[in-house]
């Protein structure tokens, strides 16, 4: 009888949900900002609108992801940039690049709410170079970044499954001890 009840309970359990997180990042790349948006299960966000806003909520610009989930944006003001990409189904990537980082890309001083107490001179690059030479390196870095995030997600999944196994083991031990007491009481 107990086995029958256990089988019914197992059949009524919902199927295991596949949880996944969002892989999203922004980083400086020469004179523009590059970013990526994807799910940790490997699904990339193709042709996804990315809205770029300032701290006050004003829209600075828009971008669109390519076939690999990457987007590019050229900043025009040294203010904090907020990147928002709505992937649907409750998945919203929200990223931020500080005003100091954007100012470094533009070679300017960051615009802040308070008046700056001192000014700094922008440092020009020592030599000009062809940005196309860096493209293979950027592609490799993109692949490595995705692998690192996927490895972190996998490690989290192992921890979750291990915790579930531990709890089920404790329940099993409890049921065993209860059954053993009942058998001793029946003798």
C-alpha atoms as a PDB file:
ATOM      1  CA  UNK A   1       0.000   0.000   0.000  1.00  0.00           C
ATOM      2  CA  UNK A   2       2.803   2.385   0.904  1.00  0.00           C
ATOM      3  CA  UNK A   3       4.504   1.680  -2.434  1.00  0.00           C
ATOM      4  CA  UNK A   4       1.281   2.428  -4.298  1.00  0.00           C
ATOM      5  CA  UNK A   5       0.902   5.798  -2.548  1.00  0.00           C
ATOM      6  CA  UNK A   6       4.534   6.625  -3.264  1.00  0.00           C
ATOM      7  CA  UNK A   7       4.072   5.787  -6.961  1.00  0.00           C
ATOM      8  CA  UNK A   8       0.970   8.028  -7.151  1.00  0.00           C
ATOM      9  CA  UNK A   9       2.841  10.902  -5.513  1.00  0.00           C
ATOM     10  CA  UNK A  10       5.765  10.522  -7.899  1.00  0.00           C
ATOM     11  CA  UNK A  11       3.426  10.558 -10.903  1.00  0.00           C
ATOM     12  CA  UNK A  12       1.701  13.697  -9.654  1.00  0.00           C
ATOM     13  CA  UNK A  13       4.946  15.605  -9.231  1.00  0.00           C
ATOM     14  CA  UNK A  14       5.438  18.338 -11.814  1.00  0.00           C
ATOM     15  CA  UNK A  15       8.108  17.748 -14.430  1.00  0.00           C
ATOM     16  CA  UNK A  16      11.527  19.126 -13.599  1.00  0.00           C
ATOM     17  CA  UNK A  17      11.877  22.745 -14.651  1.00  0.00           C
ATOM     18  CA  UNK A  18      14.931  23.787 -16.574  1.00  0.00           C
ATOM     19  CA  UNK A  19      16.179  26.900 -14.832  1.00  0.00           C
ATOM     20  CA  UNK A  20      18.578  29.168 -16.629  1.00  0.00           C
ATOM     21  CA  UNK A  21      20.068  32.559 -16.106  1.00  0.00           C
ATOM     22  CA  UNK A  22      20.932  35.429 -18.353  1.00  0.00           C
ATOM     23  CA  UNK A  23      24.425  35.901 -19.719  1.00  0.00           C
ATOM     24  CA  UNK A  24      24.826  39.622 -20.235  1.00  0.00           C
ATOM     25  CA  UNK A  25      27.761  41.984 -20.144  1.00  0.00           C
ATOM     26  CA  UNK A  26      28.990  45.292 -21.508  1.00  0.00           C
ATOM     27  CA  UNK A  27      32.590  46.328 -21.954  1.00  0.00           C
ATOM     28  CA  UNK A  28      34.613  49.047 -23.683  1.00  0.00           C
ATOM     29  CA  UNK A  29      35.922  48.187 -27.123  1.00  0.00           C
ATOM     30  CA  UNK A  30      37.940  50.958 -28.699  1.00  0.00           C
ATOM     31  CA  UNK A  31      35.718  53.993 -29.279  1.00  0.00           C
ATOM     32  CA  UNK A  32      32.449  52.150 -28.631  1.00  0.00           C
ATOM     33  CA  UNK A  33      30.723  49.870 -26.134  1.00  0.00           C
ATOM     34  CA  UNK A  34      30.131  46.216 -26.941  1.00  0.00           C
ATOM     35  CA  UNK A  35      27.790  43.897 -25.128  1.00  0.00           C
ATOM     36  CA  UNK A  36      26.186  40.502 -25.276  1.00  0.00           C
ATOM     37  CA  UNK A  37      22.843  39.049 -24.251  1.00  0.00           C
ATOM     38  CA  UNK A  38      22.055  35.319 -24.102  1.00  0.00           C
ATOM     39  CA  UNK A  39      20.586  32.659 -21.848  1.00  0.00           C
ATOM     40  CA  UNK A  40      22.881  30.330 -19.950  1.00  0.00           C
ATOM     41  CA  UNK A  41      21.437  27.349 -21.826  1.00  0.00           C
ATOM     42  CA  UNK A  42      23.109  28.672 -24.989  1.00  0.00           C
ATOM     43  CA  UNK A  43      20.119  30.422 -26.555  1.00  0.00           C
ATOM     44  CA  UNK A  44      21.300  33.738 -27.974  1.00  0.00           C
ATOM     45  CA  UNK A  45      19.123  36.828 -28.168  1.00  0.00           C
ATOM     46  CA  UNK A  46      18.971  37.514 -31.896  1.00  0.00           C
ATOM     47  CA  UNK A  47      17.581  40.814 -33.219  1.00  0.00           C
ATOM     48  CA  UNK A  48      16.763  41.985 -29.696  1.00  0.00           C
ATOM     49  CA  UNK A  49      16.300  45.693 -29.007  1.00  0.00           C
ATOM     50  CA  UNK A  50      18.687  47.112 -26.406  1.00  0.00           C
ATOM     51  CA  UNK A  51      17.638  50.448 -24.917  1.00  0.00           C
ATOM     52  CA  UNK A  52      20.375  52.674 -23.518  1.00  0.00           C
ATOM     53  CA  UNK A  53      19.332  55.234 -20.890  1.00  0.00           C
ATOM     54  CA  UNK A  54      20.986  57.740 -18.549  1.00  0.00           C
ATOM     55  CA  UNK A  55      20.560  57.905 -14.758  1.00  0.00           C
ATOM     56  CA  UNK A  56      17.590  60.253 -15.144  1.00  0.00           C
ATOM     57  CA  UNK A  57      15.792  57.797 -17.452  1.00  0.00           C
ATOM     58  CA  UNK A  58      16.310  59.757 -20.662  1.00  0.00           C
ATOM     59  CA  UNK A  59      16.988  57.567 -23.679  1.00  0.00           C
ATOM     60  CA  UNK A  60      20.543  57.927 -24.966  1.00  0.00           C
ATOM     61  CA  UNK A  61      20.131  55.517 -27.843  1.00  0.00           C
ATOM     62  CA  UNK A  62      19.155  52.078 -29.056  1.00  0.00           C
ATOM     63  CA  UNK A  63      21.001  49.102 -30.434  1.00  0.00           C
ATOM     64  CA  UNK A  64      20.075  45.667 -31.762  1.00  0.00           C
ATOM     65  CA  UNK A  65      21.759  42.339 -31.145  1.00  0.00           C
ATOM     66  CA  UNK A  66      23.235  40.432 -34.055  1.00  0.00           C
ATOM     67  CA  UNK A  67      22.901  36.718 -34.811  1.00  0.00           C
ATOM     68  CA  UNK A  68      25.311  35.835 -31.986  1.00  0.00           C
ATOM     69  CA  UNK A  69      23.612  38.005 -29.352  1.00  0.00           C
ATOM     70  CA  UNK A  70      26.191  40.815 -29.466  1.00  0.00           C
ATOM     71  CA  UNK A  71      25.481  44.512 -29.828  1.00  0.00           C
ATOM     72  CA  UNK A  72      27.534  47.662 -30.237  1.00  0.00           C
ATOM     73  CA  UNK A  73      26.866  51.263 -29.234  1.00  0.00           C
ATOM     74  CA  UNK A  74      28.937  54.421 -29.674  1.00  0.00           C
ATOM     75  CA  UNK A  75      28.472  56.727 -26.677  1.00  0.00           C
ATOM     76  CA  UNK A  76      28.141  60.488 -27.133  1.00  0.00           C
ATOM     77  CA  UNK A  77      28.159  61.745 -23.523  1.00  0.00           C
ATOM     78  CA  UNK A  78      30.346  60.754 -20.548  1.00  0.00           C
ATOM     79  CA  UNK A  79      27.418  59.776 -18.301  1.00  0.00           C
ATOM     80  CA  UNK A  80      26.427  56.469 -16.713  1.00  0.00           C
ATOM     81  CA  UNK A  81      24.836  54.236 -19.356  1.00  0.00           C
ATOM     82  CA  UNK A  82      22.108  51.737 -18.427  1.00  0.00           C
ATOM     83  CA  UNK A  83      21.459  48.940 -20.930  1.00  0.00           C
ATOM     84  CA  UNK A  84      18.085  47.129 -20.845  1.00  0.00           C
ATOM     85  CA  UNK A  85      17.137  44.184 -23.042  1.00  0.00           C
ATOM     86  CA  UNK A  86      13.765  42.471 -22.590  1.00  0.00           C
ATOM     87  CA  UNK A  87      14.044  38.871 -23.802  1.00  0.00           C
ATOM     88  CA  UNK A  88      10.432  38.030 -22.920  1.00  0.00           C
ATOM     89  CA  UNK A  89       9.114  35.350 -20.553  1.00  0.00           C
ATOM     90  CA  UNK A  90      10.361  37.359 -17.583  1.00  0.00           C
ATOM     91  CA  UNK A  91      13.970  37.526 -18.763  1.00  0.00           C
ATOM     92  CA  UNK A  92      15.227  41.115 -18.634  1.00  0.00           C
ATOM     93  CA  UNK A  93      18.921  41.908 -18.857  1.00  0.00           C
ATOM     94  CA  UNK A  94      19.860  45.128 -17.062  1.00  0.00           C
ATOM     95  CA  UNK A  95      23.453  46.286 -17.233  1.00  0.00           C
ATOM     96  CA  UNK A  96      25.325  49.438 -16.411  1.00  0.00           C
ATOM     97  CA  UNK A  97      28.556  51.108 -17.450  1.00  0.00           C
ATOM     98  CA  UNK A  98      29.798  53.855 -15.161  1.00  0.00           C
ATOM     99  CA  UNK A  99      30.338  57.436 -16.265  1.00  0.00           C
ATOM    100  CA  UNK A 100      34.073  57.052 -15.623  1.00  0.00           C
ATOM    101  CA  UNK A 101      34.305  54.092 -18.019  1.00  0.00           C
ATOM    102  CA  UNK A 102      32.298  55.902 -20.697  1.00  0.00           C
ATOM    103  CA  UNK A 103      34.414  59.032 -20.230  1.00  0.00           C
ATOM    104  CA  UNK A 104      37.547  56.939 -20.731  1.00  0.00           C
ATOM    105  CA  UNK A 105      36.147  55.654 -24.039  1.00  0.00           C
ATOM    106  CA  UNK A 106      35.396  59.224 -25.142  1.00  0.00           C
ATOM    107  CA  UNK A 107      38.666  60.624 -23.785  1.00  0.00           C
ATOM    108  CA  UNK A 108      36.755  63.107 -21.624  1.00  0.00           C
ATOM    109  CA  UNK A 109      35.992  63.769 -17.972  1.00  0.00           C
ATOM    110  CA  UNK A 110      32.822  62.144 -16.637  1.00  0.00           C
ATOM    111  CA  UNK A 111      29.717  64.277 -16.124  1.00  0.00           C
ATOM    112  CA  UNK A 112      28.524  63.900 -12.551  1.00  0.00           C
ATOM    113  CA  UNK A 113      25.652  65.365 -10.528  1.00  0.00           C
ATOM    114  CA  UNK A 114      27.983  67.434  -8.310  1.00  0.00           C
ATOM    115  CA  UNK A 115      30.386  69.984  -9.743  1.00  0.00           C
ATOM    116  CA  UNK A 116      33.880  68.510 -10.088  1.00  0.00           C
ATOM    117  CA  UNK A 117      36.496  69.926  -7.759  1.00  0.00           C
ATOM    118  CA  UNK A 118      39.328  69.422 -10.197  1.00  0.00           C
ATOM    119  CA  UNK A 119      39.682  68.677 -13.865  1.00  0.00           C
ATOM    120  CA  UNK A 120      41.884  66.101 -15.478  1.00  0.00           C
ATOM    121  CA  UNK A 121      43.336  66.135 -18.940  1.00  0.00           C
ATOM    122  CA  UNK A 122      42.384  63.377 -21.327  1.00  0.00           C
ATOM    123  CA  UNK A 123      45.226  61.143 -22.384  1.00  0.00           C
ATOM    124  CA  UNK A 124      45.397  60.468 -26.087  1.00  0.00           C
ATOM    125  CA  UNK A 125      46.462  57.030 -27.333  1.00  0.00           C
ATOM    126  CA  UNK A 126      50.205  56.750 -27.866  1.00  0.00           C
ATOM    127  CA  UNK A 127      49.870  55.358 -31.369  1.00  0.00           C
ATOM    128  CA  UNK A 128      47.079  54.792 -33.808  1.00  0.00           C
ATOM    129  CA  UNK A 129      46.275  51.221 -34.776  1.00  0.00           C
ATOM    130  CA  UNK A 130      43.879  49.376 -37.001  1.00  0.00           C
ATOM    131  CA  UNK A 131      40.875  48.164 -34.943  1.00  0.00           C
ATOM    132  CA  UNK A 132      40.417  45.286 -37.394  1.00  0.00           C
ATOM    133  CA  UNK A 133      43.596  43.728 -35.993  1.00  0.00           C
ATOM    134  CA  UNK A 134      41.887  43.310 -32.630  1.00  0.00           C
ATOM    135  CA  UNK A 135      38.761  41.617 -34.003  1.00  0.00           C
ATOM    136  CA  UNK A 136      40.093  38.014 -33.766  1.00  0.00           C
ATOM    137  CA  UNK A 137      41.083  38.679 -30.146  1.00  0.00           C
ATOM    138  CA  UNK A 138      37.618  40.083 -29.365  1.00  0.00           C
ATOM    139  CA  UNK A 139      35.987  37.006 -30.891  1.00  0.00           C
ATOM    140  CA  UNK A 140      38.138  34.717 -28.727  1.00  0.00           C
ATOM    141  CA  UNK A 141      37.374  36.739 -25.603  1.00  0.00           C
ATOM    142  CA  UNK A 142      33.642  36.512 -26.343  1.00  0.00           C
ATOM    143  CA  UNK A 143      33.849  32.706 -26.540  1.00  0.00           C
ATOM    144  CA  UNK A 144      35.853  32.456 -23.317  1.00  0.00           C
ATOM    145  CA  UNK A 145      33.451  34.789 -21.484  1.00  0.00           C
ATOM    146  CA  UNK A 146      30.476  32.597 -22.439  1.00  0.00           C
ATOM    147  CA  UNK A 147      32.286  29.436 -21.336  1.00  0.00           C
ATOM    148  CA  UNK A 148      33.116  30.951 -17.938  1.00  0.00           C
ATOM    149  CA  UNK A 149      29.506  31.976 -17.296  1.00  0.00           C
ATOM    150  CA  UNK A 150      28.231  28.565 -18.438  1.00  0.00           C
ATOM    151  CA  UNK A 151      30.700  26.853 -16.089  1.00  0.00           C
ATOM    152  CA  UNK A 152      29.465  28.987 -13.180  1.00  0.00           C
ATOM    153  CA  UNK A 153      25.862  28.067 -14.021  1.00  0.00           C
ATOM    154  CA  UNK A 154      26.757  24.375 -14.201  1.00  0.00           C
ATOM    155  CA  UNK A 155      28.464  24.526 -10.826  1.00  0.00           C
ATOM    156  CA  UNK A 156      25.357  26.116  -9.332  1.00  0.00           C
ATOM    157  CA  UNK A 157      23.200  23.351 -10.812  1.00  0.00           C
ATOM    158  CA  UNK A 158      25.460  20.706  -9.241  1.00  0.00           C
ATOM    159  CA  UNK A 159      25.096  22.418  -5.861  1.00  0.00           C
ATOM    160  CA  UNK A 160      21.317  22.536  -6.173  1.00  0.00           C
ATOM    161  CA  UNK A 161      21.065  18.890  -7.190  1.00  0.00           C
ATOM    162  CA  UNK A 162      23.418  17.900  -4.375  1.00  0.00           C
ATOM    163  CA  UNK A 163      21.265  19.764  -1.853  1.00  0.00           C
ATOM    164  CA  UNK A 164      18.110  18.095  -3.133  1.00  0.00           C
ATOM    165  CA  UNK A 165      19.804  14.694  -2.868  1.00  0.00           C
ATOM    166  CA  UNK A 166      20.873  15.453   0.688  1.00  0.00           C
ATOM    167  CA  UNK A 167      17.317  16.393   1.704  1.00  0.00           C
ATOM    168  CA  UNK A 168      15.864  13.297   0.022  1.00  0.00           C
ATOM    169  CA  UNK A 169      18.460  11.162   1.790  1.00  0.00           C
ATOM    170  CA  UNK A 170      17.438  12.591   5.167  1.00  0.00           C
ATOM    171  CA  UNK A 171      13.786  11.886   4.393  1.00  0.00           C
ATOM    172  CA  UNK A 172      14.694   8.335   3.399  1.00  0.00           C
ATOM    173  CA  UNK A 173      16.615   7.847   6.623  1.00  0.00           C
ATOM    174  CA  UNK A 174      13.643   9.189   8.591  1.00  0.00           C
ATOM    175  CA  UNK A 175      11.245   6.826   6.822  1.00  0.00           C
ATOM    176  CA  UNK A 176      13.608   3.901   7.449  1.00  0.00           C
ATOM    177  CA  UNK A 177      13.880   4.651  11.152  1.00  0.00           C
ATOM    178  CA  UNK A 178      10.100   5.079  11.454  1.00  0.00           C
ATOM    179  CA  UNK A 179       9.458   1.792   9.664  1.00  0.00           C
ATOM    180  CA  UNK A 180      12.025   0.039  11.847  1.00  0.00           C
ATOM    181  CA  UNK A 181      10.300   1.314  15.015  1.00  0.00           C
ATOM    182  CA  UNK A 182       6.936   0.173  13.716  1.00  0.00           C
ATOM    183  CA  UNK A 183       8.293  -3.309  12.967  1.00  0.00           C
ATOM    184  CA  UNK A 184       9.788  -3.577  16.484  1.00  0.00           C
ATOM    185  CA  UNK A 185       6.492  -2.434  17.990  1.00  0.00           C
ATOM    186  CA  UNK A 186       4.605  -5.125  16.031  1.00  0.00           C
ATOM    187  CA  UNK A 187       6.817  -7.955  17.356  1.00  0.00           C
END
